Amino acid sequence: MQIQLSPITTYQGHRWQVSLDRHCVSFRSEAEARAFIATLQARLQAPHHLPHERQSEAG
């Protein structure tokens, strides 16, 4: 997943945009955007355990 941070100007004023591949999320401040990125990266790097499939007994 590509994560990019860029400043943007909208009719609401100066904002910060985090792009996640093709999905974009806008924030009021750079600090909010960077906090979002930090949380997202921590979650992506966290260990993810997949449930084991139970094998049915054939007989």
Protein backbone atom coordinates (compact mmCIF):
# COMPACT_ATOMS: atom_id res chain seq x y z
CA MET A 1 0.00 0.00 0.00
CA GLN A 2 1.38 3.36 -0.98
CA ILE A 3 0.81 6.13 1.56
CA GLN A 4 1.44 9.73 0.53
CA LEU A 5 0.95 13.04 2.34
CA SER A 6 0.39 16.27 0.42
CA PRO A 7 -0.91 19.78 1.10
CA ILE A 8 -4.03 20.77 -0.83
CA THR A 9 -6.12 23.91 -1.17
CA THR A 10 -9.91 23.60 -1.26
CA TYR A 11 -12.79 26.03 -0.95
CA GLN A 12 -12.52 25.31 2.80
CA GLY A 13 -8.92 26.51 2.89
CA HIS A 14 -5.59 24.77 3.35
CA ARG A 15 -5.84 21.04 4.12
CA TRP A 16 -3.62 17.98 4.21
CA GLN A 17 -4.46 14.90 2.18
CA VAL A 18 -3.34 11.35 2.85
CA SER A 19 -3.53 9.14 -0.23
CA LEU A 20 -3.84 5.38 0.27
CA ASP A 21 -3.37 3.98 -3.21
CA ARG A 22 -6.53 5.40 -4.86
CA HIS A 23 -8.40 6.39 -1.67
CA CYS A 24 -7.86 9.89 -0.21
CA VAL A 25 -8.58 11.23 3.27
CA SER A 26 -8.36 14.96 4.07
CA PHE A 27 -7.33 16.49 7.41
CA ARG A 28 -7.42 20.02 8.83
CA SER A 29 -3.81 19.95 9.97
CA GLU A 30 -0.54 18.28 9.10
CA ALA A 31 -0.33 16.92 12.65
CA GLU A 32 -3.69 15.12 12.29
CA ALA A 33 -2.63 13.67 8.95
CA ARG A 34 0.72 12.46 10.32
CA ALA A 35 -0.99 10.90 13.37
CA PHE A 36 -3.35 9.03 11.02
CA ILE A 37 -0.40 7.76 8.97
CA ALA A 38 1.45 6.62 12.11
CA THR A 39 -1.61 4.70 13.35
CA LEU A 40 -2.20 3.14 9.95
CA GLN A 41 1.43 2.05 9.57
CA ALA A 42 1.45 0.54 13.07
CA ARG A 43 -1.67 -1.46 12.27
CA LEU A 44 -0.30 -2.63 8.93
CA GLN A 45 2.96 -3.78 10.55
CA ALA A 46 1.28 -5.50 13.50
CA PRO A 47 1.19 -9.30 13.46
CA HIS A 48 -2.01 -10.66 11.98
CA HIS A 49 -3.02 -14.16 12.96
CA LEU A 50 -5.32 -15.98 10.61
CA PRO A 51 -7.69 -18.58 12.05
CA HIS A 52 -6.78 -22.17 11.31
CA GLU A 53 -9.23 -24.17 9.26
CA ARG A 54 -10.63 -27.17 11.03
CA GLN A 55 -10.37 -30.30 9.00
CA SER A 56 -13.51 -32.36 9.13
CA GLU A 57 -13.04 -35.98 9.93
CA ALA A 58 -13.91 -38.19 6.99
CA GLY A 59 -14.95 -41.68 7.78
